N, C-alpha and C. Protein backbone atom coordinates (compact mmCIF):
# COMPACT_ATOMS: atom_id res chain seq x y z
N MET A 1 0.85 -1.20 0.00
CA MET A 1 0.00 0.00 0.00
C MET A 1 0.87 1.23 0.00
N LYS A 2 0.57 2.21 -0.86
CA LYS A 2 1.33 3.45 -0.93
C LYS A 2 0.61 4.55 -0.18
N VAL A 3 1.40 5.43 0.48
CA VAL A 3 0.84 6.58 1.17
C VAL A 3 1.18 7.81 0.37
N ALA A 4 0.20 8.67 0.07
CA ALA A 4 0.43 9.87 -0.73
C ALA A 4 1.30 10.84 0.02
N GLY A 5 2.13 11.57 -0.70
CA GLY A 5 3.01 12.53 -0.06
C GLY A 5 2.32 13.84 0.20
N GLY A 6 3.06 14.77 0.75
CA GLY A 6 2.58 16.11 0.97
C GLY A 6 1.55 16.19 2.06
N ALA A 7 0.38 16.71 1.75
CA ALA A 7 -0.69 16.90 2.73
C ALA A 7 -1.14 15.57 3.31
N GLY A 8 -1.07 14.53 2.46
CA GLY A 8 -1.49 13.22 2.97
C GLY A 8 -0.58 12.74 4.07
N VAL A 9 0.74 12.95 3.90
CA VAL A 9 1.70 12.54 4.93
C VAL A 9 1.46 13.30 6.22
N LEU A 10 1.23 14.61 6.13
CA LEU A 10 0.97 15.44 7.31
C LEU A 10 -0.28 14.97 8.05
N ALA A 11 -1.33 14.66 7.31
CA ALA A 11 -2.56 14.21 7.95
C ALA A 11 -2.35 12.89 8.68
N PHE A 12 -1.57 12.00 8.06
CA PHE A 12 -1.29 10.70 8.67
C PHE A 12 -0.49 10.86 9.95
N ALA A 13 0.48 11.78 9.94
CA ALA A 13 1.31 12.04 11.11
C ALA A 13 0.48 12.61 12.25
N LEU A 14 -0.42 13.52 11.94
CA LEU A 14 -1.28 14.10 12.98
C LEU A 14 -2.18 13.04 13.59
N LEU A 15 -2.65 12.09 12.77
CA LEU A 15 -3.50 11.01 13.26
C LEU A 15 -2.74 10.15 14.26
N LEU A 16 -1.48 9.80 13.95
CA LEU A 16 -0.66 9.00 14.85
C LEU A 16 -0.40 9.73 16.16
N THR A 17 -0.15 11.05 16.06
CA THR A 17 0.10 11.86 17.26
C THR A 17 -1.11 11.87 18.17
N GLY A 18 -2.30 12.01 17.57
CA GLY A 18 -3.53 12.01 18.37
C GLY A 18 -3.74 10.70 19.08
N CYS A 19 -3.45 9.57 18.39
CA CYS A 19 -3.61 8.26 19.02
C CYS A 19 -2.64 8.07 20.17
N ALA A 20 -1.38 8.55 19.94
CA ALA A 20 -0.37 8.42 21.01
C ALA A 20 -0.78 9.23 22.22
N GLY A 21 -1.39 10.36 22.05
CA GLY A 21 -1.80 11.18 23.18
C GLY A 21 -2.97 10.58 23.93
N ALA A 22 -3.76 9.75 23.27
CA ALA A 22 -4.93 9.17 23.93
C ALA A 22 -4.57 8.05 24.88
N ALA A 23 -3.40 7.40 24.69
CA ALA A 23 -3.04 6.24 25.49
C ALA A 23 -2.92 6.53 26.97
N PRO A 24 -2.21 7.60 27.42
CA PRO A 24 -2.14 7.88 28.85
C PRO A 24 -3.50 8.11 29.47
N SER A 25 -4.41 8.73 28.70
CA SER A 25 -5.73 8.98 29.23
C SER A 25 -6.43 7.66 29.57
N ALA A 26 -6.28 6.65 28.70
CA ALA A 26 -6.89 5.35 28.97
C ALA A 26 -6.27 4.71 30.20
N GLY A 27 -4.94 4.86 30.37
CA GLY A 27 -4.27 4.30 31.54
C GLY A 27 -4.77 4.94 32.81
N ALA A 28 -4.94 6.24 32.81
CA ALA A 28 -5.43 6.94 34.00
C ALA A 28 -6.82 6.45 34.37
N GLY A 29 -7.63 6.18 33.33
CA GLY A 29 -8.97 5.67 33.62
C GLY A 29 -8.92 4.30 34.27
N SER A 30 -7.99 3.43 33.84
CA SER A 30 -7.86 2.10 34.43
C SER A 30 -7.45 2.20 35.89
N ALA A 31 -6.50 3.13 36.16
CA ALA A 31 -6.06 3.31 37.54
C ALA A 31 -7.21 3.78 38.42
N GLY A 32 -8.02 4.68 37.88
CA GLY A 32 -9.16 5.17 38.65
C GLY A 32 -10.17 4.07 38.93
N GLN A 33 -10.36 3.20 37.91
CA GLN A 33 -11.29 2.10 38.11
C GLN A 33 -10.77 1.12 39.15
N THR A 34 -9.44 0.87 39.14
CA THR A 34 -8.84 -0.03 40.13
C THR A 34 -9.00 0.53 41.54
N ALA A 35 -8.74 1.84 41.69
CA ALA A 35 -8.89 2.47 43.00
C ALA A 35 -10.33 2.40 43.49
N ALA A 36 -11.26 2.62 42.56
CA ALA A 36 -12.67 2.55 42.93
C ALA A 36 -13.05 1.14 43.36
N ALA A 37 -12.49 0.13 42.64
CA ALA A 37 -12.77 -1.26 43.01
C ALA A 37 -12.21 -1.59 44.38
N ASP A 38 -10.99 -1.09 44.67
CA ASP A 38 -10.39 -1.31 45.99
C ASP A 38 -11.23 -0.68 47.08
N ASP A 39 -11.71 0.54 46.84
CA ASP A 39 -12.56 1.21 47.82
C ASP A 39 -13.84 0.42 48.06
N ALA A 40 -14.41 -0.11 46.97
CA ALA A 40 -15.64 -0.88 47.11
C ALA A 40 -15.40 -2.15 47.93
N THR A 41 -14.24 -2.80 47.68
CA THR A 41 -13.91 -4.00 48.44
C THR A 41 -13.75 -3.68 49.92
N ALA A 42 -13.06 -2.59 50.22
CA ALA A 42 -12.88 -2.19 51.61
C ALA A 42 -14.22 -1.87 52.27
N SER A 43 -15.11 -1.22 51.51
CA SER A 43 -16.41 -0.89 52.07
C SER A 43 -17.22 -2.15 52.36
N GLU A 44 -17.12 -3.13 51.44
CA GLU A 44 -17.85 -4.38 51.66
C GLU A 44 -17.32 -5.11 52.89
N ALA A 45 -15.99 -5.10 53.07
CA ALA A 45 -15.41 -5.76 54.25
C ALA A 45 -15.87 -5.08 55.53
N ALA A 46 -15.91 -3.74 55.51
CA ALA A 46 -16.37 -3.02 56.70
C ALA A 46 -17.83 -3.31 56.98
N ALA A 47 -18.63 -3.36 55.90
CA ALA A 47 -20.06 -3.64 56.07
C ALA A 47 -20.28 -5.04 56.61
N ALA A 48 -19.38 -5.97 56.25
CA ALA A 48 -19.53 -7.34 56.74
C ALA A 48 -19.20 -7.47 58.21
N GLY A 49 -18.64 -6.43 58.79
CA GLY A 49 -18.34 -6.45 60.22
C GLY A 49 -17.15 -7.31 60.58
N GLU A 50 -16.24 -7.53 59.63
CA GLU A 50 -15.09 -8.37 59.90
C GLU A 50 -14.18 -7.74 60.94
N GLY A 51 -14.01 -6.46 60.89
CA GLY A 51 -13.20 -5.77 61.89
C GLY A 51 -11.71 -5.84 61.61
N ARG A 52 -10.95 -5.28 62.52
CA ARG A 52 -9.50 -5.22 62.40
C ARG A 52 -8.89 -6.59 62.68
N ASP A 53 -7.86 -6.95 61.91
CA ASP A 53 -7.21 -8.25 62.09
C ASP A 53 -6.18 -8.14 63.21
N LEU A 54 -6.39 -8.92 64.28
CA LEU A 54 -5.45 -8.95 65.40
C LEU A 54 -4.85 -10.35 65.55
N SER A 55 -4.50 -10.96 64.42
CA SER A 55 -3.90 -12.29 64.45
C SER A 55 -2.58 -12.31 65.20
N GLN A 56 -1.93 -11.16 65.30
CA GLN A 56 -0.66 -11.07 66.02
C GLN A 56 -0.83 -10.52 67.43
N GLY A 57 -2.09 -10.31 67.84
CA GLY A 57 -2.35 -9.81 69.18
C GLY A 57 -2.56 -8.31 69.21
N GLY A 58 -2.99 -7.80 70.37
CA GLY A 58 -3.25 -6.37 70.52
C GLY A 58 -4.40 -6.12 71.47
N SER A 59 -4.99 -4.95 71.37
CA SER A 59 -6.08 -4.56 72.27
C SER A 59 -7.26 -4.05 71.47
N CYS A 60 -8.46 -4.46 71.87
CA CYS A 60 -9.67 -3.90 71.29
C CYS A 60 -9.88 -2.49 71.81
N VAL A 61 -10.43 -1.64 70.98
CA VAL A 61 -10.68 -0.25 71.34
C VAL A 61 -12.18 -0.01 71.38
N ASP A 62 -12.68 0.35 72.55
CA ASP A 62 -14.09 0.72 72.70
C ASP A 62 -15.04 -0.36 72.19
N GLY A 63 -14.77 -1.62 72.51
CA GLY A 63 -15.66 -2.69 72.13
C GLY A 63 -15.72 -2.98 70.65
N GLU A 64 -14.63 -2.73 69.93
CA GLU A 64 -14.62 -2.92 68.48
C GLU A 64 -14.67 -4.39 68.10
N ASP A 65 -15.10 -4.65 66.86
CA ASP A 65 -15.10 -5.99 66.30
C ASP A 65 -13.72 -6.29 65.73
N ILE A 66 -13.25 -7.51 65.92
CA ILE A 66 -11.94 -7.91 65.39
C ILE A 66 -12.05 -9.28 64.75
N VAL A 67 -11.01 -9.63 63.98
CA VAL A 67 -10.95 -10.94 63.34
C VAL A 67 -9.57 -11.53 63.56
N ILE A 68 -9.53 -12.84 63.77
CA ILE A 68 -8.27 -13.59 63.80
C ILE A 68 -8.29 -14.46 62.55
N ALA A 69 -7.55 -14.06 61.52
CA ALA A 69 -7.66 -14.71 60.22
C ALA A 69 -6.47 -15.58 59.86
N ALA A 70 -5.32 -15.33 60.45
CA ALA A 70 -4.11 -16.06 60.05
C ALA A 70 -4.11 -17.47 60.62
N ALA A 71 -3.73 -18.45 59.82
CA ALA A 71 -3.64 -19.83 60.28
C ALA A 71 -2.43 -20.00 61.21
N ALA A 72 -2.59 -20.86 62.21
CA ALA A 72 -1.52 -21.20 63.15
C ALA A 72 -0.96 -19.97 63.87
N SER A 73 -1.80 -18.97 64.08
CA SER A 73 -1.34 -17.77 64.78
C SER A 73 -1.49 -17.93 66.28
N THR A 74 -0.71 -17.15 67.02
CA THR A 74 -0.76 -17.12 68.48
C THR A 74 -0.92 -15.67 68.88
N ALA A 75 -1.96 -15.37 69.65
CA ALA A 75 -2.23 -13.97 69.97
C ALA A 75 -2.86 -13.84 71.35
N VAL A 76 -2.51 -12.75 72.00
CA VAL A 76 -3.17 -12.33 73.23
C VAL A 76 -3.90 -11.03 72.92
N VAL A 77 -5.22 -11.04 73.11
CA VAL A 77 -6.04 -9.87 72.79
C VAL A 77 -6.73 -9.39 74.06
N ASP A 78 -6.43 -8.15 74.45
CA ASP A 78 -7.06 -7.55 75.62
C ASP A 78 -8.40 -6.93 75.22
N GLY A 79 -9.35 -6.95 76.14
CA GLY A 79 -10.67 -6.41 75.86
C GLY A 79 -10.82 -4.99 76.37
N PRO A 80 -12.05 -4.53 76.32
CA PRO A 80 -13.25 -5.28 75.90
C PRO A 80 -13.44 -5.26 74.39
N CYS A 81 -13.72 -6.43 73.83
CA CYS A 81 -13.98 -6.56 72.40
C CYS A 81 -15.48 -6.66 72.15
N GLY A 82 -15.87 -6.35 70.93
CA GLY A 82 -17.25 -6.56 70.51
C GLY A 82 -17.40 -7.98 70.02
N THR A 83 -17.42 -8.16 68.70
CA THR A 83 -17.47 -9.50 68.10
C THR A 83 -16.07 -9.93 67.69
N VAL A 84 -15.68 -11.11 68.15
CA VAL A 84 -14.39 -11.69 67.77
C VAL A 84 -14.68 -12.87 66.86
N THR A 85 -14.16 -12.82 65.63
CA THR A 85 -14.38 -13.87 64.66
C THR A 85 -13.05 -14.56 64.38
N ILE A 86 -12.97 -15.84 64.72
CA ILE A 86 -11.75 -16.61 64.53
C ILE A 86 -11.95 -17.54 63.34
N THR A 87 -11.29 -17.22 62.23
CA THR A 87 -11.43 -18.00 61.01
C THR A 87 -10.18 -18.82 60.70
N GLY A 88 -9.04 -18.44 61.26
CA GLY A 88 -7.81 -19.15 60.97
C GLY A 88 -7.73 -20.49 61.69
N ALA A 89 -7.24 -21.51 61.01
CA ALA A 89 -7.11 -22.83 61.62
C ALA A 89 -5.96 -22.85 62.62
N ASP A 90 -6.07 -23.72 63.62
CA ASP A 90 -4.99 -23.98 64.58
C ASP A 90 -4.58 -22.73 65.37
N PHE A 91 -5.54 -21.85 65.63
CA PHE A 91 -5.25 -20.67 66.45
C PHE A 91 -5.06 -21.08 67.91
N ALA A 92 -4.11 -20.45 68.57
CA ALA A 92 -3.91 -20.65 70.01
C ALA A 92 -3.69 -19.29 70.64
N GLY A 93 -4.53 -18.94 71.62
CA GLY A 93 -4.36 -17.63 72.21
C GLY A 93 -5.34 -17.33 73.33
N ASN A 94 -5.40 -16.06 73.68
CA ASN A 94 -6.21 -15.59 74.80
C ASN A 94 -7.06 -14.41 74.34
N ILE A 95 -8.37 -14.56 74.41
CA ILE A 95 -9.30 -13.46 74.14
C ILE A 95 -9.91 -13.10 75.49
N ASP A 96 -9.47 -12.02 76.07
CA ASP A 96 -9.83 -11.71 77.45
C ASP A 96 -11.33 -11.49 77.64
N SER A 97 -11.89 -10.54 76.91
CA SER A 97 -13.28 -10.16 77.12
C SER A 97 -13.93 -9.85 75.78
N ALA A 98 -15.13 -10.40 75.54
CA ALA A 98 -15.81 -10.18 74.26
C ALA A 98 -17.31 -10.33 74.44
N GLU A 99 -18.06 -9.52 73.68
CA GLU A 99 -19.51 -9.66 73.68
C GLU A 99 -19.94 -10.91 72.92
N THR A 100 -19.25 -11.20 71.80
CA THR A 100 -19.57 -12.35 70.97
C THR A 100 -18.28 -12.97 70.45
N VAL A 101 -18.22 -14.30 70.45
CA VAL A 101 -17.08 -15.00 69.87
C VAL A 101 -17.63 -16.06 68.92
N GLU A 102 -17.15 -16.04 67.67
CA GLU A 102 -17.55 -17.05 66.68
C GLU A 102 -16.29 -17.71 66.14
N ILE A 103 -16.26 -19.04 66.19
CA ILE A 103 -15.07 -19.78 65.81
C ILE A 103 -15.40 -20.69 64.63
N SER A 104 -14.82 -20.39 63.48
CA SER A 104 -15.01 -21.22 62.29
C SER A 104 -13.70 -21.82 61.80
N GLY A 105 -12.60 -21.56 62.53
CA GLY A 105 -11.33 -22.17 62.20
C GLY A 105 -11.12 -23.42 63.03
N PRO A 106 -10.84 -24.57 62.42
CA PRO A 106 -10.72 -25.83 63.17
C PRO A 106 -9.52 -25.86 64.10
N ASN A 107 -9.65 -26.65 65.16
CA ASN A 107 -8.57 -26.94 66.09
C ASN A 107 -8.05 -25.70 66.83
N ALA A 108 -8.95 -24.77 67.09
CA ALA A 108 -8.58 -23.60 67.89
C ALA A 108 -8.48 -23.98 69.36
N SER A 109 -7.58 -23.32 70.06
CA SER A 109 -7.44 -23.50 71.50
C SER A 109 -7.38 -22.12 72.13
N VAL A 110 -8.44 -21.75 72.86
CA VAL A 110 -8.60 -20.36 73.27
C VAL A 110 -8.89 -20.26 74.76
N LEU A 111 -8.18 -19.36 75.43
CA LEU A 111 -8.45 -19.00 76.81
C LEU A 111 -9.24 -17.71 76.85
N GLY A 112 -9.99 -17.49 77.95
CA GLY A 112 -10.73 -16.24 78.08
C GLY A 112 -11.20 -16.03 79.49
N ALA A 113 -11.61 -14.81 79.78
CA ALA A 113 -12.11 -14.46 81.11
C ALA A 113 -13.63 -14.32 81.12
N GLU A 114 -14.16 -13.45 80.26
CA GLU A 114 -15.60 -13.18 80.28
C GLU A 114 -16.10 -12.99 78.85
N TRP A 115 -16.92 -13.93 78.40
CA TRP A 115 -17.50 -13.87 77.06
C TRP A 115 -19.01 -13.86 77.16
N GLY A 116 -19.65 -13.24 76.18
CA GLY A 116 -21.11 -13.25 76.10
C GLY A 116 -21.59 -14.45 75.30
N GLU A 117 -22.02 -14.21 74.06
CA GLU A 117 -22.49 -15.28 73.17
C GLU A 117 -21.32 -15.94 72.46
N VAL A 118 -21.34 -17.27 72.41
CA VAL A 118 -20.27 -18.03 71.75
C VAL A 118 -20.91 -19.02 70.78
N ARG A 119 -20.36 -19.07 69.57
CA ARG A 119 -20.82 -20.07 68.59
C ARG A 119 -19.60 -20.78 68.02
N VAL A 120 -19.62 -22.11 68.11
CA VAL A 120 -18.52 -22.92 67.61
C VAL A 120 -18.99 -23.64 66.35
N LEU A 121 -18.32 -23.38 65.23
CA LEU A 121 -18.71 -23.94 63.94
C LEU A 121 -17.66 -24.89 63.37
N ALA A 122 -16.53 -25.03 64.05
CA ALA A 122 -15.44 -25.85 63.53
C ALA A 122 -15.09 -26.97 64.50
N GLU A 123 -14.62 -28.08 63.99
CA GLU A 123 -14.33 -29.24 64.81
C GLU A 123 -13.03 -29.07 65.60
N GLY A 124 -12.97 -29.79 66.72
CA GLY A 124 -11.74 -29.85 67.49
C GLY A 124 -11.39 -28.59 68.25
N VAL A 125 -12.37 -27.80 68.64
CA VAL A 125 -12.13 -26.54 69.34
C VAL A 125 -12.08 -26.79 70.85
N THR A 126 -11.07 -26.22 71.49
CA THR A 126 -10.90 -26.33 72.94
C THR A 126 -10.98 -24.94 73.55
N LEU A 127 -11.89 -24.77 74.53
CA LEU A 127 -12.09 -23.47 75.17
C LEU A 127 -11.93 -23.60 76.67
N ASN A 128 -11.23 -22.65 77.25
CA ASN A 128 -11.11 -22.55 78.70
C ASN A 128 -11.44 -21.11 79.07
N VAL A 129 -12.70 -20.90 79.44
CA VAL A 129 -13.22 -19.55 79.66
C VAL A 129 -13.90 -19.49 81.02
N ASP A 130 -13.57 -18.50 81.81
CA ASP A 130 -14.11 -18.41 83.17
C ASP A 130 -15.63 -18.25 83.17
N SER A 131 -16.16 -17.39 82.31
CA SER A 131 -17.59 -17.10 82.32
C SER A 131 -18.10 -16.96 80.90
N VAL A 132 -19.21 -17.67 80.61
CA VAL A 132 -19.86 -17.61 79.31
C VAL A 132 -21.36 -17.42 79.54
N GLN A 133 -21.96 -16.46 78.85
CA GLN A 133 -23.40 -16.28 78.99
C GLN A 133 -24.17 -17.37 78.25
N ARG A 134 -23.76 -17.64 77.02
CA ARG A 134 -24.45 -18.67 76.23
C ARG A 134 -23.49 -19.22 75.19
N LEU A 135 -23.40 -20.54 75.10
CA LEU A 135 -22.55 -21.18 74.11
C LEU A 135 -23.36 -22.18 73.32
N VAL A 136 -23.24 -22.12 72.00
CA VAL A 136 -23.85 -23.11 71.11
C VAL A 136 -22.73 -23.70 70.26
N THR A 137 -22.59 -25.02 70.29
CA THR A 137 -21.62 -25.66 69.41
C THR A 137 -22.33 -26.54 68.40
N GLU A 138 -21.98 -26.35 67.14
CA GLU A 138 -22.53 -27.13 66.05
C GLU A 138 -21.48 -28.04 65.45
N ALA A 139 -20.32 -28.17 66.13
CA ALA A 139 -19.19 -28.91 65.59
C ALA A 139 -18.78 -30.02 66.54
N ALA A 140 -18.32 -31.11 65.99
CA ALA A 140 -17.94 -32.27 66.78
C ALA A 140 -16.68 -32.00 67.60
N ALA A 141 -16.60 -32.73 68.71
CA ALA A 141 -15.39 -32.73 69.56
C ALA A 141 -15.04 -31.35 70.10
N THR A 142 -16.06 -30.63 70.58
CA THR A 142 -15.81 -29.38 71.29
C THR A 142 -15.47 -29.70 72.74
N HIS A 143 -14.42 -29.07 73.26
CA HIS A 143 -14.00 -29.28 74.64
C HIS A 143 -14.10 -27.94 75.38
N LEU A 144 -14.87 -27.93 76.45
CA LEU A 144 -15.08 -26.69 77.20
C LEU A 144 -14.75 -26.90 78.67
N THR A 145 -13.90 -26.02 79.20
CA THR A 145 -13.64 -25.96 80.63
C THR A 145 -13.97 -24.55 81.09
N ASN A 146 -14.86 -24.44 82.09
CA ASN A 146 -15.19 -23.09 82.57
C ASN A 146 -15.72 -23.14 83.99
N VAL A 147 -15.86 -21.97 84.58
CA VAL A 147 -16.33 -21.84 85.95
C VAL A 147 -17.84 -21.67 85.99
N SER A 148 -18.38 -20.84 85.11
CA SER A 148 -19.83 -20.62 85.12
C SER A 148 -20.33 -20.35 83.71
N ALA A 149 -21.57 -20.78 83.46
CA ALA A 149 -22.19 -20.56 82.16
C ALA A 149 -23.69 -20.37 82.35
N GLY A 150 -24.27 -19.49 81.55
CA GLY A 150 -25.72 -19.33 81.58
C GLY A 150 -26.40 -20.49 80.90
N GLU A 151 -26.11 -20.68 79.61
CA GLU A 151 -26.73 -21.76 78.86
C GLU A 151 -25.70 -22.40 77.93
N LEU A 152 -25.66 -23.73 77.94
CA LEU A 152 -24.82 -24.49 77.03
C LEU A 152 -25.72 -25.34 76.15
N VAL A 153 -25.60 -25.16 74.83
CA VAL A 153 -26.40 -25.92 73.87
C VAL A 153 -25.42 -26.72 73.02
N ILE A 154 -25.45 -28.04 73.19
CA ILE A 154 -24.52 -28.92 72.49
C ILE A 154 -25.28 -29.61 71.37
N GLU A 155 -24.94 -29.28 70.13
CA GLU A 155 -25.67 -29.79 68.97
C GLU A 155 -24.80 -30.67 68.07
N ALA A 156 -23.67 -31.12 68.58
CA ALA A 156 -22.79 -31.99 67.79
C ALA A 156 -22.17 -33.03 68.71
N ASP A 157 -21.75 -34.14 68.13
CA ASP A 157 -21.32 -35.29 68.91
C ASP A 157 -19.93 -35.12 69.52
N GLY A 158 -19.72 -35.88 70.60
CA GLY A 158 -18.38 -36.01 71.17
C GLY A 158 -17.88 -34.83 71.98
N ALA A 159 -18.77 -33.98 72.48
CA ALA A 159 -18.33 -32.84 73.28
C ALA A 159 -17.95 -33.28 74.69
N THR A 160 -17.04 -32.55 75.31
CA THR A 160 -16.72 -32.74 76.72
C THR A 160 -16.80 -31.40 77.43
N ILE A 161 -17.47 -31.42 78.58
CA ILE A 161 -17.65 -30.20 79.39
C ILE A 161 -17.17 -30.49 80.80
N ASN A 162 -16.32 -29.65 81.30
CA ASN A 162 -15.81 -29.80 82.66
C ASN A 162 -15.85 -28.43 83.31
N GLY A 163 -16.78 -28.23 84.25
CA GLY A 163 -16.92 -26.88 84.77
C GLY A 163 -17.62 -26.79 86.10
N GLY A 164 -18.01 -25.57 86.42
CA GLY A 164 -18.66 -25.29 87.68
C GLY A 164 -20.16 -25.27 87.53
N GLU A 165 -20.78 -24.09 87.60
CA GLU A 165 -22.24 -23.98 87.54
C GLU A 165 -22.73 -23.65 86.15
N VAL A 166 -23.75 -24.37 85.72
CA VAL A 166 -24.44 -24.10 84.47
C VAL A 166 -25.92 -23.91 84.80
N VAL A 167 -26.52 -22.85 84.30
CA VAL A 167 -27.93 -22.61 84.55
C VAL A 167 -28.78 -23.59 83.73
N ARG A 168 -28.52 -23.69 82.43
CA ARG A 168 -29.28 -24.59 81.55
C ARG A 168 -28.31 -25.37 80.68
N LEU A 169 -28.46 -26.69 80.66
CA LEU A 169 -27.65 -27.55 79.81
C LEU A 169 -28.57 -28.32 78.88
N MET A 170 -28.38 -28.13 77.57
CA MET A 170 -29.20 -28.77 76.56
C MET A 170 -28.29 -29.62 75.69
N LEU A 171 -28.45 -30.95 75.75
CA LEU A 171 -27.65 -31.86 74.95
C LEU A 171 -28.51 -32.42 73.83
N ASP A 172 -28.25 -31.98 72.62
CA ASP A 172 -28.93 -32.51 71.44
C ASP A 172 -27.87 -33.18 70.59
N ALA A 173 -27.22 -34.20 71.18
CA ALA A 173 -26.04 -34.80 70.57
C ALA A 173 -25.85 -36.21 71.12
N ASN A 174 -24.87 -36.89 70.59
CA ASN A 174 -24.51 -38.22 71.06
C ASN A 174 -23.09 -38.22 71.63
N ASP A 175 -22.86 -39.13 72.58
CA ASP A 175 -21.51 -39.39 73.09
C ASP A 175 -20.85 -38.15 73.71
N ALA A 176 -21.64 -37.31 74.36
CA ALA A 176 -21.11 -36.16 75.08
C ALA A 176 -20.91 -36.51 76.55
N THR A 177 -19.96 -35.83 77.17
CA THR A 177 -19.70 -36.01 78.60
C THR A 177 -19.65 -34.65 79.28
N ALA A 178 -20.44 -34.51 80.35
CA ALA A 178 -20.46 -33.26 81.12
C ALA A 178 -20.23 -33.57 82.59
N VAL A 179 -19.22 -32.96 83.18
CA VAL A 179 -18.94 -33.09 84.61
C VAL A 179 -19.00 -31.69 85.20
N LEU A 180 -20.03 -31.45 86.03
CA LEU A 180 -20.32 -30.10 86.51
C LEU A 180 -20.54 -30.11 88.02
N THR A 181 -20.32 -28.95 88.63
CA THR A 181 -20.63 -28.81 90.04
C THR A 181 -22.12 -28.66 90.27
N ARG A 182 -22.76 -27.84 89.40
CA ARG A 182 -24.18 -27.54 89.62
C ARG A 182 -24.87 -27.28 88.29
N ILE A 183 -26.09 -27.82 88.16
CA ILE A 183 -27.01 -27.45 87.07
C ILE A 183 -28.22 -26.85 87.76
N SER A 184 -28.34 -25.53 87.69
CA SER A 184 -29.29 -24.86 88.58
C SER A 184 -30.73 -24.88 88.12
N GLU A 185 -31.02 -24.89 86.80
CA GLU A 185 -32.41 -24.78 86.36
C GLU A 185 -32.88 -25.92 85.47
N THR A 186 -32.16 -26.21 84.39
CA THR A 186 -32.69 -27.14 83.40
C THR A 186 -31.61 -28.05 82.85
N LEU A 187 -31.96 -29.34 82.72
CA LEU A 187 -31.15 -30.31 82.00
C LEU A 187 -32.06 -31.06 81.04
N GLU A 188 -31.75 -30.99 79.73
CA GLU A 188 -32.50 -31.73 78.73
C GLU A 188 -31.51 -32.50 77.85
N VAL A 189 -31.87 -33.73 77.54
CA VAL A 189 -31.00 -34.57 76.73
C VAL A 189 -31.81 -35.16 75.58
N HIS A 190 -31.36 -34.93 74.36
CA HIS A 190 -32.02 -35.45 73.17
C HIS A 190 -30.96 -36.11 72.30
N GLY A 191 -30.45 -37.22 72.76
CA GLY A 191 -29.41 -37.93 72.05
C GLY A 191 -29.07 -39.20 72.80
N ASP A 192 -28.09 -39.93 72.31
CA ASP A 192 -27.77 -41.24 72.87
C ASP A 192 -26.36 -41.27 73.47
N ARG A 193 -26.21 -42.15 74.48
CA ARG A 193 -24.90 -42.47 75.07
C ARG A 193 -24.20 -41.25 75.67
N ASN A 194 -24.98 -40.34 76.21
CA ASN A 194 -24.40 -39.17 76.88
C ASN A 194 -24.21 -39.46 78.37
N THR A 195 -23.22 -38.83 78.97
CA THR A 195 -22.95 -38.99 80.40
C THR A 195 -22.93 -37.62 81.05
N VAL A 196 -23.76 -37.45 82.09
CA VAL A 196 -23.83 -36.18 82.82
C VAL A 196 -23.62 -36.46 84.30
N ASN A 197 -22.67 -35.78 84.89
CA ASN A 197 -22.34 -35.94 86.31
C ASN A 197 -22.35 -34.56 86.96
N TRP A 198 -23.22 -34.38 87.98
CA TRP A 198 -23.29 -33.08 88.66
C TRP A 198 -23.60 -33.31 90.14
N ASN A 199 -23.31 -32.30 90.97
CA ASN A 199 -23.45 -32.46 92.42
C ASN A 199 -24.68 -31.77 92.99
N GLU A 200 -25.07 -30.64 92.42
CA GLU A 200 -26.14 -29.83 93.01
C GLU A 200 -27.09 -29.33 91.94
N GLY A 201 -28.26 -28.86 92.40
CA GLY A 201 -29.23 -28.27 91.49
C GLY A 201 -30.35 -29.22 91.15
N VAL A 202 -30.67 -29.34 89.88
CA VAL A 202 -31.80 -30.15 89.46
C VAL A 202 -31.60 -31.61 89.88
N GLU A 203 -32.72 -32.29 90.12
CA GLU A 203 -32.65 -33.67 90.57
C GLU A 203 -32.45 -34.67 89.42
N ALA A 204 -33.02 -34.33 88.26
CA ALA A 204 -32.99 -35.25 87.12
C ALA A 204 -33.28 -34.46 85.85
N PRO A 205 -33.05 -35.05 84.69
CA PRO A 205 -33.36 -34.34 83.44
C PRO A 205 -34.84 -34.03 83.32
N ALA A 206 -35.14 -32.85 82.83
CA ALA A 206 -36.53 -32.50 82.55
C ALA A 206 -37.03 -33.26 81.33
N ALA A 207 -36.12 -33.66 80.45
CA ALA A 207 -36.49 -34.45 79.26
C ALA A 207 -35.31 -35.32 78.88
N ASP A 208 -35.62 -36.55 78.47
CA ASP A 208 -34.61 -37.48 77.97
C ASP A 208 -35.28 -38.30 76.88
N THR A 209 -34.98 -37.98 75.62
CA THR A 209 -35.61 -38.67 74.50
C THR A 209 -34.65 -39.63 73.81
N GLY A 210 -33.47 -39.83 74.42
CA GLY A 210 -32.48 -40.70 73.81
C GLY A 210 -32.42 -42.06 74.47
N ALA A 211 -31.29 -42.75 74.22
CA ALA A 211 -31.10 -44.08 74.78
C ALA A 211 -29.69 -44.20 75.33
N ASP A 212 -29.56 -45.02 76.40
CA ASP A 212 -28.26 -45.32 77.00
C ASP A 212 -27.56 -44.09 77.56
N ASN A 213 -28.32 -43.13 78.04
CA ASN A 213 -27.74 -41.98 78.72
C ASN A 213 -27.54 -42.30 80.20
N VAL A 214 -26.47 -41.77 80.77
CA VAL A 214 -26.11 -42.05 82.16
C VAL A 214 -26.06 -40.75 82.95
N TYR A 215 -26.76 -40.74 84.10
CA TYR A 215 -26.80 -39.57 84.96
C TYR A 215 -26.31 -39.94 86.35
N THR A 216 -25.44 -39.10 86.90
CA THR A 216 -24.94 -39.32 88.25
C THR A 216 -25.00 -38.01 89.01
N ARG A 217 -25.74 -38.08 90.15
CA ARG A 217 -25.84 -36.87 90.98
C ARG A 217 -25.59 -37.26 92.43
């Protein structure tokens, strides 16, 4: 293909110059879109309530929500915390005080002083907490040692509980073992082969719909 000389060459050169000038503008637009996408991602994370990551430890500020996301991390977190979400596997640490604790990372081992609502969603979790208002475990092989609890709801097999006073104990599971000082208001068992040993409080289960359960008072 031949290109005409003179005015034709000048017009062609101007066209190339215009295209070259447009390229940086397109790049700037891409950068702006990337920044906007990053801002949107950050906003979504904040809206999800994930909170600040304290996988390496630290202190909650004014009851803030935090997350422990790193696998195999060890952390000491001072309270008071709002919601503590533990997603990393094999976490070992101390969460001093929290309104809510949710554990979805398997094989966590956590110490604590005073927790409100607790939900265990991962298997092999071990908790040693002085005071819990309410704990629900939906995962097998949860191990709990504590001094006092308002309500314990065990919805998965193989749990072990070793503690002081529990106001209400609800076992909807199989092969659980509970050794307690006192069950003050309610004991219900809806599962098989559970063992409950306590010294004071209720005389017998209010309900037992399972088989081969053993009670010692």
